[in-house]
């Protein structure tokens, strides 16, 4: 087998491998796009948007907890002489 034959064979294998990977990526992109459209069509994505918004009570509770922690740290620093 000559060097030219080996280079030809390696070129064919390289192009074949790159073509297979490219085809797989195209199929993957199409599949993900179709699944996104399907999920949106059946309305399954609406629950996620509800969970993303914090309730007003949760925000108020977080504010109270933050205030209590800040007061505790301030009191600790006073007693430790910092």
N, C-alpha and C. Protein backbone atom coordinates (compact mmCIF):
# COMPACT_ATOMS: atom_id res chain seq x y z
N UNK A 1 0.85 -1.16 0.00
CA UNK A 1 0.00 0.00 0.00
C UNK A 1 0.90 1.24 0.00
N UNK A 2 0.67 2.12 -0.92
CA UNK A 2 1.51 3.31 -1.06
C UNK A 2 0.99 4.43 -0.16
N UNK A 3 1.79 5.46 -0.05
CA UNK A 3 1.42 6.60 0.78
C UNK A 3 0.19 7.31 0.22
N UNK A 4 0.06 7.32 -1.10
CA UNK A 4 -1.09 7.97 -1.73
C UNK A 4 -2.37 7.21 -1.40
N UNK A 5 -2.31 5.89 -1.44
CA UNK A 5 -3.48 5.08 -1.09
C UNK A 5 -3.87 5.29 0.37
N UNK A 6 -2.87 5.37 1.25
CA UNK A 6 -3.15 5.56 2.66
C UNK A 6 -3.76 6.94 2.92
N UNK A 7 -3.25 7.97 2.24
CA UNK A 7 -3.81 9.31 2.39
C UNK A 7 -5.25 9.37 1.86
N UNK A 8 -5.51 8.67 0.75
CA UNK A 8 -6.85 8.63 0.19
C UNK A 8 -7.82 7.95 1.15
N UNK A 9 -7.39 6.84 1.70
CA UNK A 9 -8.24 6.10 2.64
C UNK A 9 -8.48 6.91 3.92
N UNK A 10 -7.47 7.58 4.42
CA UNK A 10 -7.65 8.38 5.63
C UNK A 10 -8.56 9.57 5.36
N UNK A 11 -8.48 10.16 4.18
CA UNK A 11 -9.37 11.26 3.83
C UNK A 11 -10.82 10.81 3.77
N UNK A 12 -11.06 9.65 3.18
CA UNK A 12 -12.42 9.12 3.09
C UNK A 12 -12.97 8.83 4.49
N UNK A 13 -12.15 8.22 5.33
CA UNK A 13 -12.60 7.93 6.70
C UNK A 13 -12.86 9.20 7.50
N UNK A 14 -12.02 10.22 7.31
CA UNK A 14 -12.22 11.49 8.00
C UNK A 14 -13.53 12.14 7.58
N UNK A 15 -13.76 12.22 6.28
CA UNK A 15 -15.00 12.82 5.78
C UNK A 15 -16.22 12.02 6.21
N UNK A 16 -16.10 10.70 6.21
CA UNK A 16 -17.21 9.86 6.64
C UNK A 16 -17.53 10.10 8.12
N UNK A 17 -16.51 10.16 8.96
CA UNK A 17 -16.70 10.40 10.38
C UNK A 17 -17.30 11.77 10.64
N UNK A 18 -16.80 12.79 9.96
CA UNK A 18 -17.33 14.14 10.13
C UNK A 18 -18.78 14.22 9.65
N UNK A 19 -19.09 13.51 8.58
CA UNK A 19 -20.46 13.49 8.07
C UNK A 19 -21.42 12.83 9.05
N UNK A 20 -20.98 11.76 9.68
CA UNK A 20 -21.83 11.07 10.65
C UNK A 20 -22.07 11.96 11.87
N UNK A 21 -21.03 12.62 12.36
CA UNK A 21 -21.19 13.51 13.51
C UNK A 21 -22.10 14.68 13.16
N UNK A 22 -21.92 15.27 12.00
CA UNK A 22 -22.76 16.38 11.57
C UNK A 22 -24.22 15.94 11.45
N UNK A 23 -24.45 14.76 10.88
CA UNK A 23 -25.82 14.24 10.75
C UNK A 23 -26.44 14.02 12.12
N UNK A 24 -25.68 13.48 13.05
CA UNK A 24 -26.19 13.26 14.40
C UNK A 24 -26.57 14.58 15.06
N UNK A 25 -25.73 15.61 14.91
CA UNK A 25 -26.03 16.90 15.51
C UNK A 25 -27.28 17.53 14.89
N UNK A 26 -27.45 17.40 13.59
CA UNK A 26 -28.65 17.93 12.93
C UNK A 26 -29.89 17.22 13.45
N UNK A 27 -29.82 15.90 13.57
CA UNK A 27 -30.96 15.13 14.10
C UNK A 27 -31.25 15.54 15.54
N UNK A 28 -30.22 15.76 16.33
CA UNK A 28 -30.39 16.17 17.72
C UNK A 28 -31.06 17.54 17.82
N UNK A 29 -30.64 18.49 17.00
CA UNK A 29 -31.23 19.83 17.03
C UNK A 29 -32.70 19.78 16.61
N UNK A 30 -33.00 19.01 15.58
CA UNK A 30 -34.39 18.88 15.13
C UNK A 30 -35.24 18.23 16.22
N UNK A 31 -34.72 17.20 16.86
CA UNK A 31 -35.47 16.52 17.92
C UNK A 31 -35.76 17.44 19.10
N UNK A 32 -34.76 18.21 19.53
CA UNK A 32 -34.95 19.12 20.66
C UNK A 32 -35.96 20.21 20.29
N UNK A 33 -35.88 20.73 19.09
CA UNK A 33 -36.82 21.76 18.65
C UNK A 33 -38.25 21.21 18.63
N UNK A 34 -38.43 20.01 18.07
CA UNK A 34 -39.76 19.42 18.02
C UNK A 34 -40.30 19.12 19.41
N UNK A 35 -39.44 18.64 20.32
CA UNK A 35 -39.89 18.38 21.69
C UNK A 35 -40.30 19.68 22.39
N UNK A 36 -39.58 20.75 22.15
CA UNK A 36 -39.94 22.04 22.72
C UNK A 36 -41.30 22.51 22.23
N UNK A 37 -41.54 22.36 20.94
CA UNK A 37 -42.83 22.74 20.38
C UNK A 37 -43.95 21.85 20.92
N UNK A 38 -43.67 20.56 21.08
CA UNK A 38 -44.67 19.64 21.60
C UNK A 38 -45.00 19.98 23.06
N UNK A 39 -43.98 20.23 23.87
CA UNK A 39 -44.19 20.58 25.28
C UNK A 39 -45.00 21.88 25.38
N UNK A 40 -44.68 22.84 24.52
CA UNK A 40 -45.42 24.10 24.53
C UNK A 40 -46.86 23.88 24.06
N UNK A 41 -47.08 23.00 23.09
CA UNK A 41 -48.42 22.76 22.55
C UNK A 41 -49.33 22.09 23.58
N UNK A 42 -48.79 21.19 24.40
CA UNK A 42 -49.65 20.52 25.39
C UNK A 42 -49.77 21.33 26.67
N UNK A 43 -49.00 22.43 26.78
CA UNK A 43 -49.12 23.31 27.93
C UNK A 43 -48.36 22.86 29.16
N UNK A 44 -47.40 21.99 29.01
CA UNK A 44 -46.65 21.50 30.16
C UNK A 44 -45.63 22.52 30.66
N UNK A 45 -45.35 23.56 29.90
CA UNK A 45 -44.37 24.54 30.33
C UNK A 45 -44.98 25.64 31.20
N UNK A 46 -46.27 25.65 31.37
CA UNK A 46 -46.92 26.69 32.17
C UNK A 46 -46.66 26.51 33.66
N UNK A 47 -46.49 25.30 34.13
CA UNK A 47 -46.22 25.05 35.54
C UNK A 47 -44.86 25.59 35.95
N UNK A 48 -43.92 25.55 35.06
CA UNK A 48 -42.57 26.02 35.36
C UNK A 48 -42.58 27.52 35.58
N UNK A 49 -43.37 28.25 34.83
CA UNK A 49 -43.40 29.71 34.99
C UNK A 49 -44.06 30.09 36.31
N UNK A 50 -45.00 29.30 36.81
CA UNK A 50 -45.61 29.57 38.10
C UNK A 50 -44.58 29.40 39.22
N UNK A 51 -43.76 28.38 39.13
CA UNK A 51 -42.78 28.10 40.17
C UNK A 51 -41.65 29.13 40.18
N UNK A 52 -41.41 29.77 39.06
CA UNK A 52 -40.30 30.71 38.97
C UNK A 52 -40.59 32.00 39.71
N UNK A 53 -41.88 32.37 39.90
CA UNK A 53 -42.23 33.61 40.56
C UNK A 53 -42.38 33.37 42.07
N UNK A 54 -41.60 34.06 42.87
CA UNK A 54 -41.75 33.89 44.32
C UNK A 54 -43.04 34.57 44.79
N UNK A 55 -43.69 33.97 45.74
CA UNK A 55 -44.90 34.54 46.30
C UNK A 55 -44.54 35.71 47.20
N UNK A 56 -45.51 36.60 47.42
CA UNK A 56 -45.25 37.79 48.24
C UNK A 56 -44.94 37.39 49.68
N UNK A 57 -45.60 36.34 50.17
CA UNK A 57 -45.34 35.88 51.54
C UNK A 57 -43.92 35.36 51.68
N UNK A 58 -43.42 34.66 50.66
CA UNK A 58 -42.05 34.16 50.71
C UNK A 58 -41.04 35.30 50.73
N UNK A 59 -41.31 36.34 49.97
CA UNK A 59 -40.42 37.49 49.93
C UNK A 59 -40.41 38.21 51.28
N UNK A 60 -41.59 38.36 51.89
CA UNK A 60 -41.67 39.01 53.19
C UNK A 60 -40.96 38.18 54.25
N UNK A 61 -41.12 36.86 54.19
CA UNK A 61 -40.46 35.98 55.16
C UNK A 61 -38.94 36.06 55.01
N UNK A 62 -38.47 36.12 53.77
CA UNK A 62 -37.03 36.21 53.53
C UNK A 62 -36.48 37.53 54.07
N UNK A 63 -37.26 38.60 53.94
CA UNK A 63 -36.83 39.90 54.46
C UNK A 63 -36.73 39.87 55.98
N UNK A 64 -37.70 39.24 56.62
CA UNK A 64 -37.68 39.14 58.09
C UNK A 64 -36.49 38.30 58.54
N UNK A 65 -36.25 37.20 57.88
CA UNK A 65 -35.12 36.33 58.25
C UNK A 65 -33.80 37.08 58.08
N UNK A 66 -33.68 37.84 57.01
CA UNK A 66 -32.46 38.62 56.78
C UNK A 66 -32.26 39.66 57.89
N UNK A 67 -33.35 40.30 58.29
CA UNK A 67 -33.26 41.30 59.36
C UNK A 67 -32.85 40.65 60.68
N UNK A 68 -33.39 39.50 60.97
CA UNK A 68 -33.06 38.80 62.22
C UNK A 68 -31.59 38.37 62.22
N UNK A 69 -31.12 37.86 61.11
CA UNK A 69 -29.71 37.44 61.03
C UNK A 69 -28.79 38.64 61.18
N UNK A 70 -29.14 39.76 60.53
CA UNK A 70 -28.32 40.97 60.64
C UNK A 70 -28.27 41.47 62.09
N UNK A 71 -29.42 41.45 62.76
CA UNK A 71 -29.45 41.88 64.17
C UNK A 71 -28.62 40.95 65.04
N UNK A 72 -28.67 39.66 64.78
CA UNK A 72 -27.88 38.70 65.57
C UNK A 72 -26.39 38.92 65.37
N UNK A 73 -25.98 39.18 64.15
CA UNK A 73 -24.55 39.42 63.88
C UNK A 73 -24.10 40.70 64.56
N UNK A 74 -24.93 41.74 64.50
CA UNK A 74 -24.59 43.01 65.14
C UNK A 74 -24.45 42.83 66.65
N UNK A 75 -25.37 42.11 67.25
CA UNK A 75 -25.31 41.86 68.70
C UNK A 75 -24.09 41.03 69.07
N UNK A 76 -23.75 40.06 68.26
CA UNK A 76 -22.56 39.23 68.51
C UNK A 76 -21.29 40.06 68.46
N UNK A 77 -21.23 40.94 67.47
CA UNK A 77 -20.03 41.79 67.35
C UNK A 77 -19.91 42.76 68.51
N UNK A 78 -21.02 43.23 69.05
CA UNK A 78 -20.98 44.13 70.21
C UNK A 78 -20.43 43.40 71.44
N UNK A 79 -20.88 42.15 71.64
CA UNK A 79 -20.45 41.41 72.83
C UNK A 79 -19.02 40.91 72.71
N UNK A 80 -18.52 40.74 71.52
CA UNK A 80 -17.16 40.25 71.32
C UNK A 80 -16.16 41.40 71.29
N UNK A 81 -16.62 42.64 71.26
CA UNK A 81 -15.71 43.78 71.29
C UNK A 81 -15.11 44.10 69.94
N UNK A 82 -15.76 43.76 68.88
CA UNK A 82 -15.21 44.07 67.54
C UNK A 82 -15.58 45.43 67.10
